Every structure is written in C-alpha cells, then in structure tokens.
Amino acid sequence: MPTPLHATSDDQLKFAYWVPNVSGGLVTSDIEQRTSWDYDYNVRLARAAEANGFDYALSQVRYTASYGAEQQHESTSFSLGLLLATERLKVIAAVHPGLWHPAVLAKWLITADHLSHGRAAVNVVSGWFKDEFTGLGEPWLEHDERYRRSAEFIRVLRGLFTEQEFTLLGDFYRIHDFTLKPGPYRTEGHEYPEIFQGGNSTAGRRNGGEVADWYFSNGKDFAGFDEQYVEVNGYAAAAGRQGAVRFGLNGFVIARDTEAEARDTLEEIVAKANPDAVEGFRQAVQQAGASTKDGKGMWADSTLRDLVQYNDGFRTGLIGTPEQVATRIVEFKKHGVDLFLLGFLHFIEEVEYFGANVLPIVRELEAEAVRRGELAPV
C-alpha cells in the first residue's frame, strides 16, 4: 500500500464522461463503436449518465475535421442543450483562447449558469491543432505563449465572475472597469462556473497550480500522475493557493465480466486502429508536445498504441473486471485524483454497466479506505 499523497479530500470521487459531440467515437479504430455524435443520442446518454452516478460531462471543442472526426458540433451550444435536458449533471464546455474573447465567454457562462441553476463549467484548452487557427486566419502562438494567453484568459474569467469594475491590463487582454450583470448563479458551495485547465507541459502545470480550479491530466500510471500532482501543487503553494486545485485524470474504461474479455477488447481496438488517422494525429500532437523547451508537452512521449485513444486513456489502466477497475480507481484517489474523465467504446450501455457494476464497488472501497485511515472521511 503506497503512502497516501492525498488524504484530505472532503468528498467522494467524482466521475465525468467525454461527450461524443464529434463523430468517430473515442478511439481512432475501425472497431464497432455503438455511439453517435447527434444531439438526440447525446441527450439519452446524458440522462443515463446522471442516473448512473456521473457528476460531469465534457463537450469536446473541434472546428474542423481531424484524425477521423469528420463531423463536429460546437461545444458551448451543445453543452447548453445538454444542461437544459438534464437535472443534476454539470456540463463542461471546452473552449480555445484566441477564438473566444474571455469577457464574451464569461457572459455566456453566466447565462448558462442561471439557466441550469449553477451547473455550467468551462475547460480552457490552449490549443494543439495548428490548422484550426491558421485556417481561420488567427495567429498560431508558440507553445508557452499559448499557455501564457490561457492564464490571462482564466484571470479575466475569474475576475469578471467575482469582482465589480474589474480591470486587467495584460499582454493579451485589456479589461477596463468592467462589470457583468447579472453575476453568476450562486448557491451553497457554488460561487461561479468551475474553471478546468489541462496540459502535461511545465507551462500547463504552472497554469493548473496558479490559476485553475481543476487541473486535467492525460492518461497516466501512478508514477506519472504523482509527478504532476506534486509539481502542480508546488506552483499552487508558491502562488498562495495551497489546496485550491483539484485534479482530474483521463481514463478509457473497458470493464467486462472477465479480465480476458476486457484485454481481448483492448487488443481488438489496437489491432483495428486506423493507421492513417492515428499517424496524422501523432504528427499534429507530437509537434505540439515536442515544441516545449523541456519536452514535457502533451503527448510528447505517447506511443502509437497510446494514441489510438487520443488522450492516452489506455495508460490509466482501467481495464478488467468491475472489481479490478474499481480497485485501481480508488488507488488513484489515494494518490490525489478527485475526478475521473472517462471514455467508453459503447457509450450508453457501458455507462450503465459502469453505474451498476463498477461504481458500487468504488463506493465500498472508498468507505473501507476511510475506515483504515487511508483517506479522510467522505
């Protein structure tokens, strides 16, 4: 049993799922994926998710076809549609600084927050797909500059959410004595829409510690997550934000009645990978990751096998029987994970399988870990 890195969580593990608002599913493979990118399917999925213990959904941001995702619904409008079709689920809209002005987005988020009674959230994505920016005539900044812009973007969002007559005179944004009315929808424990930010690079980790509410990581094993957890918390402490950042981890779940069935499914996904799409994605994302000075960028060390699931979801190792998957999930909580962002092959049926077979074991193991003193009370 590892020494707990994170024994101060005051609530249960949270679960999110990737919204399939783009075509092609969550793996770049020709294996059957019983899912759909259309709105009606996604409403059924969102309702199934909130009925099966999921807390969040994350709508992807894509503006043009890439790595097999030929069709894309816009993330913010799609997120609002899902918010209005559900009762409890929080929906995170992914957005790109450089394609949004932060004050305009803040206004949209406040409206969505009121319409959903406090369930709107945002994931600030610094950008890895150069063609989306250059094709729209927008400048493509160097890697660390993209993250520096994102940090300012988040500061503007939070400032407009929390202050009257907010001013920020930055390198990318100029806000002069600006007030948004109405302010965010406020309830107990909810002051403003939660702000998520990801990125494996040093610049991404710094942003996670210094400005974000949540830090998202690509799929990682225990050691890989530990490294990020320690570094991000170090940046948070240096910024006077000790304990202010929560951690989300990406994972692709293959939970089956037997371990052999789960492993066979994984190998079939990889064996049927679309080589042209995977290679195109590899070239795009590893150019972005390799452009960092220290080589820690997103996907910088991903193998082709990893990239079949395009956020390194296989690396997290959530593959096996319900008990094996649940055990690994709770072990990650002991290392500091607060939320799992999950992908599935066959979304609705596997979300329901997860809720019926995996989640009850997770809750039992969490309670047992509390009794043993490995986790703080939930």
Protein backbone atom coordinates (compact mmCIF):
# COMPACT_ATOMS: atom_id res chain seq x y z
CA MET A 1 0.00 0.00 0.00
CA PRO A 2 1.57 3.33 -1.02
CA THR A 3 1.87 6.17 1.44
CA PRO A 4 -1.16 8.35 0.66
CA LEU A 5 -0.22 11.54 -1.11
CA HIS A 6 -3.71 12.89 -0.76
CA ALA A 7 -5.63 12.26 2.45
CA THR A 8 -7.57 15.49 2.77
CA SER A 9 -10.42 15.08 0.27
CA ASP A 10 -13.73 16.03 1.83
CA ASP A 11 -15.95 14.39 -0.75
CA GLN A 12 -16.32 11.27 -2.85
CA LEU A 13 -14.62 10.69 -6.15
CA LYS A 14 -16.35 12.48 -9.00
CA PHE A 15 -16.94 10.99 -12.44
CA ALA A 16 -17.20 12.71 -15.81
CA TYR A 17 -17.53 11.39 -19.33
CA TRP A 18 -16.38 12.68 -22.69
CA VAL A 19 -19.39 13.95 -24.64
CA PRO A 20 -19.31 12.37 -28.12
CA ASN A 21 -20.29 15.61 -29.87
CA VAL A 22 -17.84 14.79 -32.66
CA SER A 23 -18.08 11.78 -34.95
CA GLY A 24 -15.78 8.81 -34.79
CA GLY A 25 -16.08 7.83 -31.14
CA LEU A 26 -13.30 7.96 -28.56
CA VAL A 27 -10.84 5.59 -30.25
CA THR A 28 -9.29 6.02 -33.68
CA SER A 29 -10.10 2.48 -34.70
CA ASP A 30 -12.34 0.66 -37.14
CA ILE A 31 -13.76 -1.47 -34.33
CA GLU A 32 -17.51 -1.11 -33.85
CA GLN A 33 -18.36 1.80 -31.54
CA ARG A 34 -22.03 1.91 -30.58
CA THR A 35 -22.23 5.65 -30.13
CA SER A 36 -23.36 8.71 -32.06
CA TRP A 37 -22.48 12.38 -32.29
CA ASP A 38 -26.09 13.56 -32.82
CA TYR A 39 -27.98 15.56 -30.21
CA ASP A 40 -30.81 13.10 -29.52
CA TYR A 41 -28.35 10.31 -28.74
CA ASN A 42 -26.38 12.65 -26.50
CA VAL A 43 -29.46 13.65 -24.54
CA ARG A 44 -30.18 9.98 -23.85
CA LEU A 45 -26.56 9.47 -22.86
CA ALA A 46 -26.54 12.49 -20.53
CA ARG A 47 -29.68 11.31 -18.78
CA ALA A 48 -28.26 7.79 -18.48
CA ALA A 49 -25.03 9.22 -17.06
CA GLU A 50 -26.67 11.29 -14.35
CA ALA A 51 -28.89 8.33 -13.45
CA ASN A 52 -25.78 6.17 -13.07
CA GLY A 53 -23.72 8.33 -10.75
CA PHE A 54 -21.86 10.63 -13.14
CA ASP A 55 -21.35 14.20 -11.98
CA TYR A 56 -19.94 15.94 -15.07
CA ALA A 57 -19.81 15.73 -18.85
CA LEU A 58 -17.16 17.41 -21.04
CA SER A 59 -18.10 18.64 -24.52
CA GLN A 60 -15.16 18.50 -26.93
CA VAL A 61 -14.04 21.50 -28.97
CA ARG A 62 -13.39 20.94 -32.67
CA TYR A 63 -13.85 23.31 -35.59
CA THR A 64 -12.59 21.20 -38.46
CA ALA A 65 -12.11 17.54 -39.30
CA SER A 66 -9.13 15.78 -37.77
CA TYR A 67 -7.99 12.19 -37.08
CA GLY A 68 -11.26 10.68 -38.32
CA ALA A 69 -13.60 13.14 -36.57
CA GLU A 70 -15.32 14.32 -39.72
CA GLN A 71 -18.33 15.98 -38.08
CA GLN A 72 -18.34 18.27 -35.03
CA HIS A 73 -20.99 20.06 -33.00
CA GLU A 74 -19.87 23.33 -31.39
CA SER A 75 -19.08 22.80 -27.72
CA THR A 76 -20.80 25.69 -25.92
CA SER A 77 -24.17 25.48 -27.64
CA PHE A 78 -24.11 21.69 -27.35
CA SER A 79 -23.29 21.95 -23.64
CA LEU A 80 -26.20 24.30 -23.06
CA GLY A 81 -28.52 21.86 -24.82
CA LEU A 82 -27.40 19.07 -22.50
CA LEU A 83 -27.74 21.29 -19.43
CA LEU A 84 -31.34 22.08 -20.32
CA ALA A 85 -32.10 18.39 -20.92
CA THR A 86 -30.80 17.22 -17.53
CA GLU A 87 -31.41 18.00 -13.87
CA ARG A 88 -28.19 17.30 -11.97
CA LEU A 89 -25.35 16.83 -14.45
CA LYS A 90 -22.71 19.57 -14.69
CA VAL A 91 -21.54 20.17 -18.25
CA ILE A 92 -18.06 21.48 -19.06
CA ALA A 93 -17.68 23.28 -22.38
CA ALA A 94 -14.17 23.19 -23.85
CA VAL A 95 -13.06 26.46 -25.47
CA HIS A 96 -9.96 27.90 -27.16
CA PRO A 97 -8.47 31.25 -26.12
CA GLY A 98 -7.67 33.04 -29.33
CA LEU A 99 -11.01 32.03 -30.80
CA TRP A 100 -13.03 33.47 -27.89
CA HIS A 101 -12.77 36.74 -26.01
CA PRO A 102 -12.85 35.88 -22.28
CA ALA A 103 -15.46 38.52 -21.39
CA VAL A 104 -17.82 37.25 -24.09
CA LEU A 105 -17.35 33.71 -22.83
CA ALA A 106 -17.86 34.85 -19.22
CA LYS A 107 -21.19 36.38 -20.24
CA TRP A 108 -22.22 33.16 -21.98
CA LEU A 109 -21.21 31.08 -18.94
CA ILE A 110 -23.16 33.27 -16.52
CA THR A 111 -26.28 32.94 -18.67
CA ALA A 112 -25.82 29.16 -18.94
CA ASP A 113 -25.23 29.05 -15.18
CA HIS A 114 -28.55 30.77 -14.50
CA LEU A 115 -30.47 28.64 -16.97
CA SER A 116 -29.07 25.45 -15.41
CA HIS A 117 -29.15 26.61 -11.77
CA GLY A 118 -25.39 26.51 -11.31
CA ARG A 119 -24.27 23.60 -13.48
CA ALA A 120 -22.20 25.30 -16.22
CA ALA A 121 -18.41 24.93 -16.32
CA VAL A 122 -15.55 25.58 -18.76
CA ASN A 123 -12.37 23.79 -19.83
CA VAL A 124 -9.78 26.23 -21.17
CA VAL A 125 -7.83 24.44 -23.93
CA SER A 126 -4.68 26.25 -25.01
CA GLY A 127 -4.74 24.53 -28.40
CA TRP A 128 -2.72 21.86 -30.18
CA PHE A 129 -4.29 21.78 -33.67
CA LYS A 130 -2.50 24.46 -35.66
CA ASP A 131 -4.75 24.11 -38.72
CA GLU A 132 -7.78 25.29 -36.75
CA PHE A 133 -6.12 28.62 -36.04
CA THR A 134 -4.32 29.25 -39.31
CA GLY A 135 -7.34 28.11 -41.35
CA LEU A 136 -9.42 30.77 -39.62
CA GLY A 137 -6.75 33.42 -40.09
CA GLU A 138 -5.84 33.54 -36.41
CA PRO A 139 -2.22 33.64 -35.23
CA TRP A 140 -0.65 30.39 -34.04
CA LEU A 141 1.42 31.30 -31.00
CA GLU A 142 4.49 29.45 -29.75
CA HIS A 143 3.66 26.78 -27.16
CA ASP A 144 4.43 28.65 -23.95
CA GLU A 145 2.80 31.81 -25.30
CA ARG A 146 -0.43 29.87 -25.85
CA TYR A 147 -0.37 28.86 -22.19
CA ARG A 148 0.51 32.38 -21.07
CA ARG A 149 -2.51 33.62 -23.00
CA SER A 150 -4.64 30.94 -21.34
CA ALA A 151 -3.50 32.09 -17.90
CA GLU A 152 -4.63 35.64 -18.67
CA PHE A 153 -7.86 34.28 -20.14
CA ILE A 154 -8.63 32.46 -16.88
CA ARG A 155 -7.73 35.50 -14.78
CA VAL A 156 -10.23 37.55 -16.79
CA LEU A 157 -12.94 34.90 -16.38
CA ARG A 158 -12.50 34.67 -12.62
CA GLY A 159 -12.17 38.43 -12.24
CA LEU A 160 -15.41 39.07 -14.08
CA PHE A 161 -17.12 36.31 -12.10
CA THR A 162 -16.05 37.64 -8.71
CA GLU A 163 -15.41 41.40 -8.93
CA GLN A 164 -17.23 44.59 -9.74
CA GLU A 165 -15.47 47.10 -12.03
CA PHE A 166 -12.81 44.55 -12.87
CA THR A 167 -9.61 45.72 -14.57
CA LEU A 168 -6.79 43.69 -16.10
CA LEU A 169 -4.17 45.25 -18.35
CA GLY A 170 -2.33 42.23 -19.70
CA ASP A 171 -0.30 41.28 -22.73
CA PHE A 172 -3.27 39.63 -24.45
CA TYR A 173 -6.40 41.18 -22.91
CA ARG A 174 -7.32 44.68 -21.71
CA ILE A 175 -10.33 44.94 -19.41
CA HIS A 176 -11.24 48.40 -18.07
CA ASP A 177 -13.53 48.79 -15.02
CA PHE A 178 -15.94 46.18 -16.36
CA THR A 179 -18.89 44.63 -14.51
CA LEU A 180 -21.09 41.79 -15.70
CA LYS A 181 -24.71 41.80 -14.55
CA PRO A 182 -26.18 39.52 -13.51
CA GLY A 183 -23.31 37.79 -11.81
CA PRO A 184 -23.01 34.00 -11.66
CA TYR A 185 -25.81 31.91 -10.21
CA ARG A 186 -24.84 31.44 -6.57
CA THR A 187 -25.85 28.56 -4.34
CA GLU A 188 -24.20 26.92 -1.35
CA GLY A 189 -20.80 25.66 -2.49
CA HIS A 190 -21.08 27.30 -5.93
CA GLU A 191 -19.70 30.80 -6.35
CA TYR A 192 -19.11 30.81 -10.11
CA PRO A 193 -18.73 28.33 -13.03
CA GLU A 194 -15.80 25.99 -12.35
CA ILE A 195 -12.71 26.55 -14.47
CA PHE A 196 -10.82 23.50 -15.72
CA GLN A 197 -7.45 23.59 -17.48
CA GLY A 198 -5.18 20.82 -18.71
CA GLY A 199 -1.72 20.28 -20.16
CA ASN A 200 1.17 18.00 -19.34
CA SER A 201 3.85 20.59 -20.10
CA THR A 202 5.58 22.72 -17.50
CA ALA A 203 3.54 25.70 -18.73
CA GLY A 204 0.33 23.70 -18.41
CA ARG A 205 1.22 22.53 -14.90
CA ARG A 206 2.07 26.09 -13.87
CA ASN A 207 -1.32 27.30 -15.09
CA GLY A 208 -3.01 24.45 -13.26
CA GLY A 209 -1.40 25.49 -10.00
CA GLU A 210 -1.57 29.25 -10.36
CA VAL A 211 -4.98 29.95 -11.90
CA ALA A 212 -7.26 26.92 -12.43
CA ASP A 213 -9.89 25.37 -10.16
CA TRP A 214 -9.24 21.96 -11.72
CA TYR A 215 -6.17 20.51 -13.44
CA PHE A 216 -6.87 17.86 -16.10
CA SER A 217 -4.21 15.29 -16.92
CA ASN A 218 -3.96 12.99 -19.91
CA GLY A 219 -3.99 9.31 -19.03
CA LYS A 220 -1.17 8.34 -16.63
CA ASP A 221 0.01 5.47 -14.46
CA PHE A 222 0.56 6.10 -10.74
CA ALA A 223 4.11 7.41 -11.09
CA GLY A 224 3.19 9.71 -13.97
CA PHE A 225 0.27 11.18 -12.05
CA ASP A 226 2.34 11.57 -8.86
CA GLU A 227 4.88 13.69 -10.72
CA GLN A 228 2.20 16.05 -11.97
CA TYR A 229 0.38 16.18 -8.64
CA VAL A 230 3.50 17.26 -6.77
CA GLU A 231 4.54 19.83 -9.37
CA VAL A 232 1.11 21.42 -9.79
CA ASN A 233 0.66 21.68 -6.02
CA GLY A 234 4.10 23.28 -5.79
CA TYR A 235 3.03 26.01 -8.21
CA ALA A 236 -0.23 26.44 -6.27
CA ALA A 237 1.61 26.84 -2.97
CA ALA A 238 4.03 29.38 -4.45
CA ALA A 239 1.02 31.38 -5.68
CA GLY A 240 -0.66 31.28 -2.27
CA ARG A 241 -3.27 28.76 -3.46
CA GLN A 242 -2.33 25.71 -1.39
CA GLY A 243 -5.19 23.22 -1.54
CA ALA A 244 -7.15 25.29 -4.08
CA VAL A 245 -6.61 22.98 -7.07
CA ARG A 246 -8.41 19.71 -7.64
CA PHE A 247 -7.21 17.02 -10.02
CA GLY A 248 -8.90 15.21 -12.90
CA LEU A 249 -7.42 12.22 -14.74
CA ASN A 250 -8.37 10.87 -18.16
CA GLY A 251 -9.07 7.17 -18.49
CA PHE A 252 -10.63 4.85 -21.06
CA VAL A 253 -12.72 2.18 -19.35
CA ILE A 254 -13.00 -1.36 -20.64
CA ALA A 255 -14.91 -3.15 -17.86
CA ARG A 256 -16.13 -6.65 -18.69
CA ASP A 257 -17.32 -9.69 -16.77
CA THR A 258 -13.89 -11.31 -17.15
CA GLU A 259 -10.40 -9.85 -17.39
CA ALA A 260 -9.73 -11.90 -20.53
CA GLU A 261 -12.72 -10.34 -22.28
CA ALA A 262 -11.57 -6.84 -21.34
CA ARG A 263 -7.99 -7.48 -22.52
CA ASP A 264 -9.25 -9.01 -25.77
CA THR A 265 -11.35 -5.89 -26.41
CA LEU A 266 -8.31 -3.67 -25.89
CA GLU A 267 -6.23 -5.72 -28.32
CA GLU A 268 -9.02 -5.64 -30.89
CA ILE A 269 -9.21 -1.84 -30.63
CA VAL A 270 -5.46 -1.56 -31.23
CA ALA A 271 -5.41 -4.20 -33.98
CA LYS A 272 -8.15 -2.37 -35.88
CA ALA A 273 -6.63 1.08 -35.41
CA ASN A 274 -6.94 3.36 -38.41
CA PRO A 275 -3.24 3.81 -39.24
CA ASP A 276 -3.60 6.94 -41.38
CA ALA A 277 -5.76 8.74 -38.81
CA VAL A 278 -3.55 7.73 -35.89
CA GLU A 279 -0.41 8.81 -37.74
CA GLY A 280 -1.97 12.14 -38.70
CA PHE A 281 -2.94 12.75 -35.10
CA ARG A 282 0.53 11.70 -33.90
CA GLN A 283 2.23 14.18 -36.20
CA ALA A 284 -0.05 17.02 -35.09
CA VAL A 285 0.07 16.48 -31.36
CA GLN A 286 3.69 15.44 -31.01
CA GLN A 287 4.74 18.54 -32.93
CA ALA A 288 2.91 20.49 -30.24
CA GLY A 289 4.37 18.47 -27.38
CA ALA A 290 7.91 18.45 -28.73
CA SER A 291 7.81 22.22 -29.13
CA THR A 292 8.14 22.70 -25.37
CA LYS A 293 11.60 23.53 -24.08
CA ASP A 294 11.72 20.60 -21.67
CA GLY A 295 9.87 18.04 -23.81
CA LYS A 296 7.02 17.61 -21.30
CA GLY A 297 4.24 18.70 -23.62
CA MET A 298 1.00 16.82 -24.14
CA TRP A 299 1.60 13.52 -25.95
CA ALA A 300 5.37 14.16 -26.17
CA ASP A 301 6.14 10.60 -25.04
CA SER A 302 2.99 8.84 -26.29
CA THR A 303 3.40 5.71 -28.39
CA LEU A 304 1.24 4.92 -31.40
CA ARG A 305 -0.59 2.38 -29.22
CA ASP A 306 -1.35 5.13 -26.68
CA LEU A 307 -2.62 7.46 -29.38
CA VAL A 308 -5.32 5.08 -30.59
CA GLN A 309 -7.20 6.59 -27.63
CA TYR A 310 -6.42 10.20 -28.27
CA ASN A 311 -5.99 11.35 -24.67
CA ASP A 312 -3.73 8.45 -23.61
CA GLY A 313 -6.69 6.83 -21.87
CA PHE A 314 -5.26 3.30 -22.01
CA ARG A 315 -2.31 4.41 -19.84
CA THR A 316 -4.53 4.83 -16.79
CA GLY A 317 -5.18 1.08 -16.85
CA LEU A 318 -8.93 0.96 -16.20
CA ILE A 319 -9.22 -2.37 -17.97
CA GLY A 320 -10.50 -5.59 -16.42
CA THR A 321 -13.37 -6.82 -14.27
CA PRO A 322 -15.53 -4.35 -12.37
CA GLU A 323 -13.62 -5.14 -9.18
CA GLN A 324 -10.23 -4.65 -10.87
CA VAL A 325 -11.30 -1.33 -12.41
CA ALA A 326 -12.83 -0.08 -9.15
CA THR A 327 -9.75 -1.07 -7.15
CA ARG A 328 -7.45 0.83 -9.48
CA ILE A 329 -9.74 3.89 -9.41
CA VAL A 330 -9.64 4.04 -5.61
CA GLU A 331 -5.86 3.57 -5.60
CA PHE A 332 -5.63 6.64 -7.83
CA LYS A 333 -7.74 8.55 -5.33
CA LYS A 334 -5.14 7.75 -2.68
CA HIS A 335 -2.59 9.43 -4.96
CA GLY A 336 -4.70 12.59 -5.30
CA VAL A 337 -7.22 12.11 -8.11
CA ASP A 338 -10.51 13.89 -7.37
CA LEU A 339 -12.29 13.22 -10.67
CA PHE A 340 -12.05 10.70 -13.50
CA LEU A 341 -12.84 11.82 -17.04
CA LEU A 342 -13.89 8.61 -18.73
CA GLY A 343 -14.32 7.37 -22.28
CA PHE A 344 -16.10 4.22 -23.44
CA LEU A 345 -16.41 2.13 -26.58
CA HIS A 346 -20.22 1.77 -26.49
CA PHE A 347 -21.30 4.80 -24.53
CA ILE A 348 -24.85 4.36 -23.19
CA GLU A 349 -24.62 0.65 -22.43
CA GLU A 350 -21.16 0.95 -20.87
CA VAL A 351 -22.10 3.99 -18.78
CA GLU A 352 -24.99 1.93 -17.45
CA TYR A 353 -22.69 -1.07 -16.85
CA PHE A 354 -20.24 1.20 -15.00
CA GLY A 355 -23.01 2.60 -12.81
CA ALA A 356 -24.43 -0.81 -11.99
CA ASN A 357 -21.23 -2.83 -11.58
CA VAL A 358 -18.17 -0.61 -11.03
CA LEU A 359 -19.40 2.41 -9.08
CA PRO A 360 -20.92 0.45 -6.15
CA ILE A 361 -17.55 -1.25 -5.62
CA VAL A 362 -15.78 2.12 -5.79
CA ARG A 363 -18.00 3.46 -3.02
CA GLU A 364 -17.42 0.36 -0.88
CA LEU A 365 -13.66 0.62 -1.34
CA GLU A 366 -13.70 4.35 -0.55
CA ALA A 367 -15.55 3.64 2.71
CA GLU A 368 -13.11 0.84 3.57
CA ALA A 369 -10.13 3.14 2.88
CA VAL A 370 -11.64 5.72 5.25
CA ARG A 371 -12.01 3.07 7.98
CA ARG A 372 -8.35 2.11 7.52
CA GLY A 373 -7.24 5.73 7.72
CA GLU A 374 -6.00 5.81 4.11
CA LEU A 375 -8.44 8.55 3.12
CA ALA A 376 -10.09 11.36 5.00
CA PRO A 377 -13.82 10.92 5.75
CA VAL A 378 -16.09 11.48 2.77
